[in-house]
Each structure stands twice: as C-alpha cells, then as structure tokens.
Amino acid sequence: MKFKLVKVKTLFHSLFGIFLFVSMLPLIIWGIYFLRFLNHDEIRASALFIYIIFLLTVGLSLGAAYYLAKRLRNPLKQLKKSATEIARGNFSHKIYVNSDDEVGQVAKLFNYMTTELRRLNEMNLNEIITEKNKTKTIIKNIADGVIVTDPDNKIVIINSVAEKLFDIEENEAMNQPIDRFIDRKELLDLIAMAGDENVDHDNAVEISVIPRVHRKKLILQAKSALVISNEDASIGIVTVFRDVTREKEIDRMKTELVSMVAHELRSPLTSIAGFSELLLDPDLDKEQSNEYAEIILKESNRLSNLINKFLDISRIESGKSQVNKIPLDLGILVSNILEYNKAQADKKKIKVELDVPTGLPLVNVDKGMIEEVVLNLFSNAVKYSPEKRKIDISLKQEGDELIVAVKDQGYGISDEALPHIFNKFYRVTDNEEVRDIEGSGLGLSLAKEIVELHYGSIWVESELGKGSTFYFSLPVWDGSEQPSDLYEVENELAM
C-alpha cells in the first residue's frame, strides 16, 4: 500500500513564518554586520555573549510569532466554521471572540448576520407552514372530492370526500400509486394526459361508482389539471371529483316530463282534430254532429283540465301561487265536497261514509286549494273502485295535526308503483283493470304540492287487489297566523 504525503500550507503556518521572518530580520542584519566589520579577536572575546543574545532573540521571535499567528488564526477558524454551518442551514451558530479589534468587529457583524438569517428563516418557515396548513384545510373541507398526485402518479393529498367516494383510507394511500386504489381506465388516462403538456385532451370525464357509504350508484365528473411551479416545472396533478348524480337525474326527469306532456297533450288534440274534420262533412246528420261535438267538448275539457293542473303545479313549485289562508272547519269542508260530488259514487253504486269527530280544531288553509286535494282523493277512490264498493272518509287529530284519510276497496297499488304514485304524469300500468281509466296523471302530484305548501304531508298505504288509503295531514291553527293578505304579501316577497 502506498501513502502519499501532501503538505498543506495553512494560514497558521503562513502567519507564523511571516512573523518569525520579520522578528529575525534585524538579528540577521546585525549578525552580518558583526561578522563583516569586527576582527576575530573581538568576536572570540564576545562569542558567549553573542550566542546568548542570539538564542534569546530567536526564542522571543518564535514565541511572538506563534502567539500572533494563533491569535489571528482562532477567530478566522471560528468564521470558517460558522460559514460552514450557515451553508448547511444552521443559523443558530455563534462566534465567541473576546476582542474589540477589526477581527472582533468582523465576528460581531457575522453574529448579527446569522441572527437576521435565523429570523428570516423562521418567518419563511412559519409562512410556508401556515400556507400549507391553510391549503390542506381548504382541500379537506371542500365539498368535492380531491386527489393530488405527484409526477410519479403517487397520491400526496386526498380529502375525506374522495376517501368516501373510492373507499380509500388516507394513511394507506399516501405516497402510494393511484392505480393501486382506483382501476378506472378512463380516469387513469385522464390523469396521465393531464401530466403531458404536449397533448391536447378533454380535461373531464364521467365515471360511476358505488361507495360503501351511499350504497347507491353515483355519477362523478372528474377534472384533472397540471400543477406548475414558478420555474415552469411539473410538480403534480390535481383531480377534482364532482357529484353530478342529481343534475343527471334532473335532466332525465326533464326529458321524461317533456315526453309525457307531449303524449298527454297529443291524445286529446288528435281527437279534437279528427272529430272537427268529421264535422266538416256536409252529409253528416244532426245526431252524429251532436255526438262528435260532445266528444270534442269532452276532450277540450280534458285538455283544459290537464293544462290548468300543470300550470297550478308550476306556480306552486316556482313560489308564484297566491295562498289566501283562512281559519276553517275541515270537517264541514269535506262534508260539502262529498255532498256536491256524491253523484260520482252513485253512478257506480258506491257507498260513501264520513266520520268526523266533534270538537276538532280549525285549520288555517286556502279553501280552494284544500278542496282540490279532497276532491282529487275522493274522485280517484271512486274512479279506481269497482261498482258496489265502499269508501270511508275520516278525520282525526294527532298532536298538533289534523289527519284526513280516504279509504277505498278498489284495485289497489303494487309495491313497485307506490314510490312513484305522486310523480307528475305517473299512471299505474301494472294492473290491467286500471289501464283504460282516463286521467291526467297530475292530480296526486298537485295534491302533494298543495299539502306541502300548507306545511303538511301526504302518503298512501295500499295492497294490490284490496284497496288503498290516502292520508294527508295539516297543522292545527293556533291563532298566531292571522290575516290571509299578510301571507300573500310574504309569499310575493319570497318570489
């Protein structure tokens, strides 16, 4: 093994050599003079004295040179050590120099510099920590799901919404590849393309998931964007997941509504147009003419009733309906409706019984609207019941509500149809006995809107083949809500 000796010339060696040379220079000059101009006898006589002086001078020169070199070297060594520590990010290092000369002043300035650097560093760290915590808090509490991945597609941030959507635990997902937890190809392709600045792509896709929390299908709109640093370098990709299930459902319902409206309007309009054309026949006799005119009038009334109900529902849903509330006896209102419309039941030989206990409190309602609800439920009970059956209508008080029940012995409603019975234009078609019964499909939907407008509720209990019972409840009037015109003003302001 070969060793290579390297001589390192330090500052201490340089200073020591300089000080020694300067201190020895007068002695060297004196020695030259002594040897050149004095004779040998004089030199021999004073040789001992000369040796003593020489050794003493050399010793003092060595000591002085060592002392001065060391005194200058130590503070410079401290400065070097401090500079190294600062370069490593340690701003708490301090130089201890006990002098007021130039070196001491440099050391003090160096200490001041490190103090300022430490203060600025702490300020920057606090700001960075504050901004990081602020960003993390915003992401954690945002209503949409958020996943942030680094350039290697590893998850660096995930909020609680995204955890629930994809059934991911944050502590398991951090710094792990995203494809380990999400295997949707369209989403992974979206994130990959978002990270490529040279590729033009659609930054949004729709995916469907079934989270364990919801246990139902959700439609998510995912958008990815590249995150760029100040140096235009890619530092990650942020992907936001927005739940658009409700919007998709509303779009679907709008499409179905337009289709149902068109279908419901087309049938009476076709009849009116067809029989109107027949009336133009000059050979038509009066009996046929009257028959066609009655059909046209019937279809026109049906069309008018359909449009009016649809407009009533639209006005209630948009908050543009005027509600003229007055305190009234609900039992008397129901009794009057049955008296005026009992002929409907008499045609089918249906027996109608009304049970109204005495002493029921008043309700503060719009008389015309509640009459519409009761008449609709009674008409449906008659319409969807075979001949020679029975309809029971009863009122009772439960707490601070009055409950009206309309019970028939009709065809009933299947379990599959019950959840949709109050939807607009919904018609029960799973029972052959009711398919040919005419109706707009808006009566129950309008009744629901009216009852809920009065802070009540409506529901149904039914068994196929055994009949149905429709209930609706209204809050009891406690005397606090007074004039109906005050309610009209409030309702108009709410529009």
Protein backbone atom coordinates (compact mmCIF):
# COMPACT_ATOMS: atom_id res chain seq x y z
CA MET A 1 0.00 0.00 0.00
CA LYS A 2 1.38 3.41 -0.97
CA PHE A 3 0.84 6.51 1.04
CA LYS A 4 1.11 9.92 -0.50
CA LEU A 5 2.09 12.70 1.81
CA VAL A 6 0.53 16.03 0.95
CA LYS A 7 1.84 19.12 2.59
CA VAL A 8 -0.97 21.53 3.30
CA LYS A 9 0.11 25.08 3.87
CA THR A 10 -2.35 26.53 6.36
CA LEU A 11 -2.93 30.14 7.34
CA PHE A 12 -1.26 29.46 10.71
CA HIS A 13 1.94 28.30 9.01
CA SER A 14 1.96 31.34 6.73
CA LEU A 15 1.41 33.79 9.57
CA PHE A 16 3.96 32.07 11.77
CA GLY A 17 6.59 32.21 9.01
CA ILE A 18 5.90 35.88 8.28
CA PHE A 19 6.09 36.94 11.94
CA LEU A 20 9.26 34.87 12.53
CA PHE A 21 10.97 36.32 9.49
CA VAL A 22 10.07 39.88 10.43
CA SER A 23 11.27 39.44 14.01
CA MET A 24 14.51 37.69 12.96
CA LEU A 25 15.40 40.16 10.20
CA PRO A 26 17.14 42.71 12.49
CA LEU A 27 19.13 39.89 14.12
CA ILE A 28 20.26 38.58 10.73
CA ILE A 29 21.34 42.08 9.65
CA TRP A 30 23.22 42.58 12.92
CA GLY A 31 24.95 39.19 12.53
CA ILE A 32 26.09 40.02 9.02
CA TYR A 33 27.43 43.33 10.22
CA PHE A 34 29.11 41.66 13.21
CA LEU A 35 30.90 39.07 11.08
CA ARG A 36 31.95 41.54 8.38
CA PHE A 37 33.33 44.52 10.27
CA LEU A 38 34.68 43.04 13.55
CA ASN A 39 38.10 41.24 13.81
CA HIS A 40 38.46 37.72 15.06
CA ASP A 41 39.84 38.69 18.47
CA GLU A 42 36.83 40.86 19.20
CA ILE A 43 34.46 38.15 18.02
CA ARG A 44 36.21 35.46 20.12
CA ALA A 45 36.13 37.66 23.25
CA SER A 46 32.37 38.25 22.98
CA ALA A 47 31.31 34.89 21.48
CA LEU A 48 29.42 33.68 24.58
CA PHE A 49 27.56 36.91 24.88
CA ILE A 50 26.69 36.81 21.20
CA TYR A 51 25.35 33.22 21.44
CA ILE A 52 23.17 34.11 24.42
CA ILE A 53 21.77 37.15 22.67
CA PHE A 54 21.14 35.13 19.51
CA LEU A 55 19.34 32.30 21.28
CA LEU A 56 17.30 34.71 23.35
CA THR A 57 16.27 36.65 20.27
CA VAL A 58 15.36 33.51 18.39
CA GLY A 59 13.30 32.26 21.30
CA LEU A 60 11.45 35.56 21.71
CA SER A 61 10.84 35.70 17.95
CA LEU A 62 9.43 32.18 17.90
CA GLY A 63 7.16 32.90 20.87
CA ALA A 64 5.92 36.21 19.47
CA ALA A 65 5.32 34.73 16.02
CA TYR A 66 3.42 31.76 17.47
CA TYR A 67 1.29 33.99 19.71
CA LEU A 68 0.37 36.45 16.96
CA ALA A 69 -0.35 33.71 14.41
CA LYS A 70 -2.57 31.83 16.85
CA ARG A 71 -4.43 34.99 17.87
CA LEU A 72 -5.30 35.71 14.27
CA ARG A 73 -5.96 32.10 13.37
CA ASN A 74 -8.59 31.29 16.05
CA PRO A 75 -11.21 33.95 15.06
CA LEU A 76 -10.68 33.13 11.39
CA LYS A 77 -11.17 29.47 12.22
CA GLN A 78 -14.42 30.36 14.01
CA LEU A 79 -15.55 32.38 10.96
CA LYS A 80 -14.83 29.41 8.73
CA LYS A 81 -16.77 27.06 10.99
CA SER A 82 -19.75 29.46 11.15
CA ALA A 83 -19.79 29.88 7.37
CA THR A 84 -19.86 26.10 7.01
CA GLU A 85 -22.75 25.79 9.49
CA ILE A 86 -24.75 28.54 7.76
CA ALA A 87 -24.19 26.83 4.41
CA ARG A 88 -25.74 23.74 5.99
CA GLY A 89 -28.78 25.75 7.16
CA ASN A 90 -27.76 26.04 10.83
CA PHE A 91 -28.45 29.68 11.68
CA SER A 92 -28.14 29.22 15.44
CA HIS A 93 -24.30 29.06 15.38
CA LYS A 94 -22.45 31.90 17.15
CA ILE A 95 -18.81 33.09 17.16
CA TYR A 96 -17.22 33.82 20.54
CA VAL A 97 -14.44 36.40 20.09
CA ASN A 98 -13.26 38.48 23.08
CA SER A 99 -11.68 41.41 21.33
CA ASP A 100 -12.62 44.83 20.04
CA ASP A 101 -10.19 44.98 17.16
CA GLU A 102 -11.05 44.55 13.50
CA VAL A 103 -11.31 40.77 13.85
CA GLY A 104 -13.69 41.15 16.80
CA GLN A 105 -15.84 43.58 14.84
CA VAL A 106 -16.00 41.18 11.91
CA ALA A 107 -17.09 38.41 14.30
CA LYS A 108 -19.82 40.64 15.76
CA LEU A 109 -21.08 41.50 12.28
CA PHE A 110 -21.04 37.80 11.43
CA ASN A 111 -23.13 37.02 14.53
CA TYR A 112 -25.60 39.76 13.60
CA MET A 113 -25.86 38.33 10.10
CA THR A 114 -26.63 34.83 11.41
CA THR A 115 -29.27 36.27 13.78
CA GLU A 116 -31.02 38.03 10.88
CA LEU A 117 -30.81 34.95 8.70
CA ARG A 118 -32.30 32.87 11.51
CA ARG A 119 -35.17 35.35 11.94
CA LEU A 120 -35.90 35.44 8.21
CA ASN A 121 -35.70 31.66 8.01
CA GLU A 122 -38.18 31.25 10.87
CA MET A 123 -40.52 33.75 9.22
CA ASN A 124 -40.36 31.88 5.91
CA LEU A 125 -40.90 28.54 7.63
CA ASN A 126 -43.91 29.89 9.52
CA GLU A 127 -45.36 31.30 6.33
CA ILE A 128 -44.75 28.05 4.49
CA ILE A 129 -46.29 26.02 7.32
CA THR A 130 -49.24 28.42 7.53
CA GLU A 131 -49.88 28.29 3.80
CA LYS A 132 -49.52 24.53 3.77
CA ASN A 133 -51.99 24.12 6.65
CA LYS A 134 -54.37 26.60 5.02
CA THR A 135 -54.25 24.73 1.72
CA LYS A 136 -54.66 21.39 3.45
CA THR A 137 -57.66 22.67 5.45
CA ILE A 138 -59.34 24.02 2.31
CA ILE A 139 -58.81 20.76 0.43
CA LYS A 140 -60.00 18.68 3.38
CA ASN A 141 -63.23 20.68 3.77
CA ILE A 142 -64.12 21.25 0.12
CA ALA A 143 -67.45 19.75 -0.92
CA ASP A 144 -65.96 17.92 -3.91
CA GLY A 145 -63.54 15.02 -3.83
CA VAL A 146 -59.89 15.98 -4.39
CA ILE A 147 -56.87 13.78 -5.09
CA VAL A 148 -53.42 15.27 -5.74
CA THR A 149 -50.75 13.08 -7.31
CA ASP A 150 -47.04 13.75 -7.88
CA PRO A 151 -45.28 13.35 -11.26
CA ASP A 152 -44.87 9.63 -10.47
CA ASN A 153 -48.66 9.26 -10.05
CA LYS A 154 -48.34 8.70 -6.30
CA ILE A 155 -51.04 10.11 -4.03
CA VAL A 156 -49.78 13.04 -1.96
CA ILE A 157 -53.11 14.59 -0.89
CA ILE A 158 -56.61 13.12 -0.61
CA ASN A 159 -59.57 14.70 1.16
CA SER A 160 -62.33 12.99 3.13
CA VAL A 161 -64.88 13.24 0.30
CA ALA A 162 -62.60 11.35 -2.09
CA GLU A 163 -61.90 8.79 0.64
CA LYS A 164 -65.63 8.04 0.91
CA LEU A 165 -66.22 8.03 -2.85
CA PHE A 166 -63.49 5.47 -3.55
CA ASP A 167 -63.42 3.69 -0.16
CA ILE A 168 -59.80 4.73 0.46
CA GLU A 169 -58.05 5.31 3.78
CA GLU A 170 -55.67 8.29 3.74
CA ASN A 171 -52.98 6.63 5.86
CA GLU A 172 -52.89 3.68 3.44
CA ALA A 173 -52.97 5.74 0.25
CA MET A 174 -50.30 8.35 0.97
CA ASN A 175 -47.24 8.05 -1.30
CA GLN A 176 -48.78 5.01 -3.00
CA PRO A 177 -49.54 4.72 -6.76
CA ILE A 178 -53.08 5.83 -7.53
CA ASP A 179 -53.74 2.80 -9.76
CA ARG A 180 -53.37 0.63 -6.67
CA PHE A 181 -56.67 2.01 -5.34
CA ILE A 182 -58.51 3.19 -8.49
CA ASP A 183 -58.66 0.90 -11.51
CA ARG A 184 -60.89 3.02 -13.74
CA LYS A 185 -59.03 3.22 -17.05
CA GLU A 186 -60.73 6.41 -18.23
CA LEU A 187 -59.75 8.19 -15.03
CA LEU A 188 -56.14 6.96 -15.10
CA ASP A 189 -55.88 8.01 -18.77
CA LEU A 190 -57.24 11.45 -17.86
CA ILE A 191 -54.59 11.91 -15.16
CA ALA A 192 -51.85 10.65 -17.46
CA MET A 193 -52.85 13.01 -20.27
CA ALA A 194 -53.15 15.93 -17.85
CA GLY A 195 -49.49 15.42 -16.98
CA ASP A 196 -48.42 15.68 -20.63
CA GLU A 197 -48.28 19.35 -21.65
CA ASN A 198 -47.79 18.45 -25.31
CA VAL A 199 -51.05 16.52 -25.64
CA ASP A 200 -54.40 18.26 -26.21
CA HIS A 201 -57.15 16.44 -24.37
CA ASP A 202 -60.54 16.81 -22.77
CA ASN A 203 -59.85 17.56 -19.11
CA ALA A 204 -63.10 16.00 -17.86
CA VAL A 205 -64.63 12.52 -17.84
CA GLU A 206 -67.66 10.98 -16.17
CA ILE A 207 -67.40 7.82 -14.12
CA SER A 208 -69.87 5.91 -11.97
CA VAL A 209 -69.07 4.50 -8.53
CA ILE A 210 -70.96 2.72 -5.77
CA PRO A 211 -69.40 3.75 -2.42
CA ARG A 212 -69.98 1.62 0.62
CA VAL A 213 -71.25 4.68 2.50
CA HIS A 214 -74.02 5.53 -0.01
CA ARG A 215 -74.70 2.02 -1.29
CA LYS A 216 -76.13 3.51 -4.47
CA LYS A 217 -74.75 4.43 -7.85
CA LEU A 218 -73.22 7.90 -8.09
CA ILE A 219 -72.16 9.69 -11.25
CA LEU A 220 -68.95 11.69 -10.84
CA GLN A 221 -67.46 14.28 -13.15
CA ALA A 222 -63.67 14.13 -12.88
CA LYS A 223 -61.45 17.03 -13.96
CA SER A 224 -57.65 16.98 -13.90
CA ALA A 225 -55.21 19.89 -14.12
CA LEU A 226 -51.43 20.09 -14.14
CA VAL A 227 -49.79 21.99 -11.26
CA ILE A 228 -46.81 24.10 -12.38
CA SER A 229 -44.10 25.60 -10.15
CA ASN A 230 -42.62 29.09 -10.51
CA GLU A 231 -39.84 27.56 -12.58
CA ASP A 232 -42.44 26.09 -15.03
CA ALA A 233 -41.70 22.59 -13.76
CA SER A 234 -44.44 20.00 -13.24
CA ILE A 235 -44.95 19.31 -9.53
CA GLY A 236 -48.13 17.25 -9.66
CA ILE A 237 -51.68 16.80 -10.92
CA VAL A 238 -54.85 17.76 -9.05
CA THR A 239 -58.04 15.82 -9.85
CA VAL A 240 -61.43 17.05 -8.63
CA PHE A 241 -64.47 14.76 -8.44
CA ARG A 242 -67.89 16.44 -8.51
CA ASP A 243 -71.08 14.50 -7.80
CA VAL A 244 -73.41 15.20 -10.74
CA THR A 245 -75.92 12.46 -9.93
CA ARG A 246 -78.66 14.93 -9.08
CA GLU A 247 -78.06 17.01 -12.21
CA LYS A 248 -78.20 13.88 -14.37
CA GLU A 249 -81.40 12.79 -12.64
CA ILE A 250 -82.96 16.22 -13.18
CA ASP A 251 -82.00 16.13 -16.87
CA ARG A 252 -83.54 12.69 -17.18
CA MET A 253 -86.72 13.83 -15.43
CA LYS A 254 -86.94 16.89 -17.68
CA THR A 255 -86.69 14.68 -20.74
CA GLU A 256 -89.34 12.32 -19.38
CA LEU A 257 -91.57 15.26 -18.42
CA VAL A 258 -91.41 16.76 -21.91
CA SER A 259 -92.16 13.33 -23.38
CA MET A 260 -95.12 12.77 -21.03
CA VAL A 261 -96.54 16.26 -21.58
CA ALA A 262 -96.32 15.79 -25.34
CA HIS A 263 -98.02 12.39 -25.04
CA GLU A 264 -100.81 13.66 -22.78
CA LEU A 265 -101.48 16.67 -25.00
CA ARG A 266 -101.32 14.71 -28.24
CA SER A 267 -104.18 12.35 -27.37
CA PRO A 268 -106.95 14.98 -26.81
CA LEU A 269 -105.62 17.17 -29.60
CA THR A 270 -105.76 14.23 -32.02
CA SER A 271 -109.36 13.53 -31.01
CA ILE A 272 -110.35 17.19 -31.36
CA ALA A 273 -108.71 17.49 -34.76
CA GLY A 274 -110.20 14.23 -36.01
CA PHE A 275 -113.79 14.91 -34.99
CA SER A 276 -113.56 18.55 -36.09
CA GLU A 277 -112.65 17.28 -39.55
CA LEU A 278 -115.65 14.94 -39.49
CA LEU A 279 -117.95 17.86 -38.63
CA LEU A 280 -117.00 19.47 -41.92
CA ASP A 281 -118.70 16.62 -43.80
CA PRO A 282 -121.84 18.14 -45.46
CA ASP A 283 -123.64 14.78 -45.39
CA LEU A 284 -123.36 14.48 -41.59
CA ASP A 285 -126.74 14.24 -39.83
CA LYS A 286 -127.59 16.17 -36.68
CA GLU A 287 -127.36 13.18 -34.34
CA GLN A 288 -123.83 12.36 -35.47
CA SER A 289 -122.92 16.04 -35.39
CA ASN A 290 -124.06 16.35 -31.77
CA GLU A 291 -122.16 13.19 -30.83
CA TYR A 292 -118.93 14.49 -32.39
CA ALA A 293 -119.41 17.89 -30.75
CA GLU A 294 -119.81 16.24 -27.34
CA ILE A 295 -116.59 14.29 -27.90
CA ILE A 296 -114.78 17.48 -28.89
CA LEU A 297 -116.14 19.26 -25.80
CA LYS A 298 -115.12 16.37 -23.57
CA GLU A 299 -111.59 16.27 -24.99
CA SER A 300 -111.35 20.07 -24.78
CA ASN A 301 -112.31 19.96 -21.09
CA ARG A 302 -109.83 17.19 -20.53
CA LEU A 303 -107.13 19.22 -22.25
CA SER A 304 -108.05 22.35 -20.31
CA ASN A 305 -108.03 20.42 -17.01
CA LEU A 306 -104.62 18.95 -17.84
CA ILE A 307 -103.12 22.36 -18.66
CA ASN A 308 -104.65 24.03 -15.61
CA LYS A 309 -103.31 21.38 -13.25
CA PHE A 310 -99.89 21.55 -14.82
CA LEU A 311 -99.85 25.34 -14.51
CA ASP A 312 -101.02 25.10 -10.88
CA ILE A 313 -98.15 22.75 -10.06
CA SER A 314 -95.66 25.01 -11.84
CA ARG A 315 -96.89 28.09 -9.96
CA ILE A 316 -96.63 26.34 -6.60
CA GLU A 317 -93.15 24.97 -7.33
CA SER A 318 -91.91 28.38 -8.51
CA GLY A 319 -93.39 30.20 -5.48
CA LYS A 320 -95.73 32.32 -7.61
CA SER A 321 -99.03 30.99 -6.28
CA GLN A 322 -101.23 33.17 -4.07
CA VAL A 323 -102.36 31.40 -0.93
CA ASN A 324 -105.41 33.01 0.70
CA LYS A 325 -105.45 31.37 4.10
CA ILE A 326 -108.48 31.50 6.36
CA PRO A 327 -109.32 29.54 9.54
CA LEU A 328 -112.00 26.96 8.71
CA ASP A 329 -113.60 23.74 9.89
CA LEU A 330 -112.04 20.94 7.84
CA GLY A 331 -114.95 18.57 8.65
CA ILE A 332 -117.51 20.95 7.12
CA LEU A 333 -115.29 21.45 4.04
CA VAL A 334 -115.04 17.69 3.45
CA SER A 335 -118.77 17.21 4.05
CA ASN A 336 -119.68 19.90 1.49
CA ILE A 337 -117.41 18.38 -1.15
CA LEU A 338 -118.99 14.96 -0.69
CA GLU A 339 -122.49 16.46 -0.90
CA TYR A 340 -121.73 18.24 -4.19
CA ASN A 341 -119.90 15.29 -5.78
CA LYS A 342 -121.75 12.29 -4.36
CA ALA A 343 -123.25 11.68 -7.79
CA GLN A 344 -119.91 10.26 -8.95
CA ALA A 345 -120.23 7.47 -6.39
CA ASP A 346 -123.96 6.97 -7.02
CA LYS A 347 -123.29 6.14 -10.68
CA LYS A 348 -121.22 3.15 -9.59
CA LYS A 349 -123.47 2.35 -6.60
CA ILE A 350 -120.57 3.03 -4.21
CA LYS A 351 -121.46 3.73 -0.59
CA VAL A 352 -119.68 6.71 0.99
CA GLU A 353 -119.34 7.13 4.76
CA LEU A 354 -117.89 10.17 6.56
CA ASP A 355 -116.58 10.06 10.14
CA VAL A 356 -115.90 13.49 11.69
CA PRO A 357 -115.46 13.61 15.49
CA THR A 358 -116.89 16.60 17.31
CA GLY A 359 -114.67 19.31 18.74
CA LEU A 360 -111.94 19.20 16.11
CA PRO A 361 -109.80 22.36 15.97
CA LEU A 362 -109.71 24.68 12.96
CA VAL A 363 -107.05 24.74 10.28
CA ASN A 364 -105.70 27.88 8.59
CA VAL A 365 -105.65 26.98 4.88
CA ASP A 366 -106.54 28.15 1.39
CA LYS A 367 -110.09 26.87 1.00
CA GLY A 368 -109.95 26.36 -2.77
CA MET A 369 -106.65 24.50 -2.68
CA ILE A 370 -107.68 22.08 0.07
CA GLU A 371 -110.99 21.47 -1.73
CA GLU A 372 -108.89 20.49 -4.76
CA VAL A 373 -106.96 17.95 -2.63
CA VAL A 374 -110.05 16.37 -1.07
CA LEU A 375 -111.93 16.25 -4.39
CA ASN A 376 -108.96 14.63 -6.13
CA LEU A 377 -108.61 11.90 -3.50
CA PHE A 378 -112.37 11.25 -3.48
CA SER A 379 -112.59 11.17 -7.29
CA ASN A 380 -109.67 8.73 -7.50
CA ALA A 381 -111.28 6.49 -4.87
CA VAL A 382 -114.45 6.36 -6.98
CA LYS A 383 -112.62 6.05 -10.30
CA TYR A 384 -110.36 3.18 -9.22
CA SER A 385 -113.02 1.16 -7.38
CA PRO A 386 -115.34 -1.44 -8.91
CA GLU A 387 -119.10 -1.00 -8.59
CA LYS A 388 -120.97 -1.60 -5.34
CA ARG A 389 -117.99 -1.00 -3.08
CA LYS A 390 -117.50 1.32 -0.12
CA ILE A 391 -115.43 4.48 0.51
CA ASP A 392 -114.68 5.60 4.09
CA ILE A 393 -113.51 9.17 4.77
CA SER A 394 -112.44 10.03 8.29
CA LEU A 395 -110.84 12.91 10.20
CA LYS A 396 -108.87 12.71 13.44
CA GLN A 397 -106.47 14.80 15.48
CA GLU A 398 -102.96 13.61 16.31
CA GLY A 399 -100.95 16.09 18.33
CA ASP A 400 -100.91 19.44 16.57
CA GLU A 401 -102.14 17.98 13.24
CA LEU A 402 -105.45 17.01 11.66
CA ILE A 403 -105.31 13.88 9.53
CA VAL A 404 -107.75 13.12 6.70
CA ALA A 405 -107.98 9.51 5.47
CA VAL A 406 -109.72 8.40 2.24
CA LYS A 407 -110.06 4.62 2.19
CA ASP A 408 -111.44 2.66 -0.77
CA GLN A 409 -111.99 -1.01 -1.64
CA GLY A 410 -110.62 -0.61 -5.13
CA TYR A 411 -107.95 -2.23 -7.26
CA GLY A 412 -105.01 -1.20 -5.08
CA ILE A 413 -101.48 -0.22 -6.00
CA SER A 414 -98.50 -2.54 -6.36
CA ASP A 415 -95.36 -2.16 -4.23
CA GLU A 416 -93.36 -1.23 -7.36
CA ALA A 417 -95.71 1.64 -8.20
CA LEU A 418 -96.12 3.09 -4.69
CA PRO A 419 -92.82 5.10 -4.64
CA HIS A 420 -93.82 6.87 -7.90
CA ILE A 421 -97.50 7.47 -7.24
CA PHE A 422 -97.05 11.22 -6.56
CA ASN A 423 -94.81 11.85 -9.59
CA LYS A 424 -96.05 14.06 -12.42
CA PHE A 425 -97.86 12.19 -15.19
CA TYR A 426 -97.34 8.87 -13.46
CA ARG A 427 -100.01 6.33 -14.30
CA VAL A 428 -100.32 2.84 -12.80
CA THR A 429 -99.98 0.40 -15.70
CA ASP A 430 -99.12 -2.88 -13.97
CA ASN A 431 -102.82 -3.57 -13.30
CA GLU A 432 -104.87 -4.43 -16.38
CA GLU A 433 -108.11 -3.26 -14.71
CA VAL A 434 -106.95 0.39 -14.46
CA ARG A 435 -105.06 0.83 -17.74
CA ASP A 436 -108.12 2.08 -19.64
CA ILE A 437 -109.25 4.51 -16.93
CA GLU A 438 -108.73 8.10 -18.12
CA GLY A 439 -106.68 10.53 -16.08
CA SER A 440 -104.10 13.27 -16.43
CA GLY A 441 -101.55 11.80 -14.04
CA LEU A 442 -101.24 15.22 -12.38
CA GLY A 443 -103.92 15.08 -9.67
CA LEU A 444 -101.86 13.41 -6.95
CA SER A 445 -98.79 15.47 -7.84
CA LEU A 446 -100.84 18.67 -7.48
CA ALA A 447 -102.33 17.41 -4.20
CA LYS A 448 -98.84 16.76 -2.84
CA GLU A 449 -97.65 20.27 -3.77
CA ILE A 450 -100.71 21.89 -2.15
CA VAL A 451 -100.42 19.92 1.09
CA GLU A 452 -96.70 20.62 1.41
CA LEU A 453 -97.36 24.31 0.68
CA HIS A 454 -99.51 24.26 3.84
CA TYR A 455 -96.69 22.58 5.83
CA GLY A 456 -98.47 19.25 5.82
CA SER A 457 -97.66 15.83 4.39
CA ILE A 458 -99.38 13.25 2.20
CA TRP A 459 -98.84 9.49 1.93
CA VAL A 460 -100.55 6.28 0.86
CA GLU A 461 -100.97 2.72 2.10
CA SER A 462 -102.13 0.14 -0.40
CA GLU A 463 -102.31 -3.55 -1.17
CA LEU A 464 -102.90 -4.82 -4.67
CA GLY A 465 -106.42 -6.16 -5.06
CA LYS A 466 -107.59 -4.93 -1.62
CA GLY A 467 -107.76 -1.17 -1.99
CA SER A 468 -105.84 1.94 -0.95
CA THR A 469 -105.90 4.51 1.84
CA PHE A 470 -104.63 8.02 1.11
CA TYR A 471 -103.75 10.25 4.04
CA PHE A 472 -102.89 13.91 4.30
CA SER A 473 -102.18 16.00 7.38
CA LEU A 474 -102.49 19.73 8.06
CA PRO A 475 -101.23 21.69 11.07
CA VAL A 476 -103.84 22.83 13.59
CA TRP A 477 -104.49 26.60 13.64
CA ASP A 478 -103.14 28.06 16.87
CA GLY A 479 -104.36 31.61 16.22
CA SER A 480 -100.88 33.02 15.58
CA GLU A 481 -101.21 33.22 11.78
CA GLN A 482 -103.88 35.83 11.20
CA PRO A 483 -104.90 37.64 8.00
CA SER A 484 -104.55 35.85 4.71
CA ASP A 485 -103.49 39.06 2.94
CA LEU A 486 -100.41 39.20 5.19
CA TYR A 487 -99.49 35.75 3.93
CA GLU A 488 -99.99 36.91 0.34
CA VAL A 489 -97.56 39.77 0.85
CA GLU A 490 -94.96 37.44 2.41
CA ASN A 491 -95.44 34.94 -0.38
CA GLU A 492 -94.99 37.60 -3.05
CA LEU A 493 -91.83 38.86 -1.34
CA ALA A 494 -90.47 35.32 -1.30
CA MET A 495 -90.82 35.15 -5.07
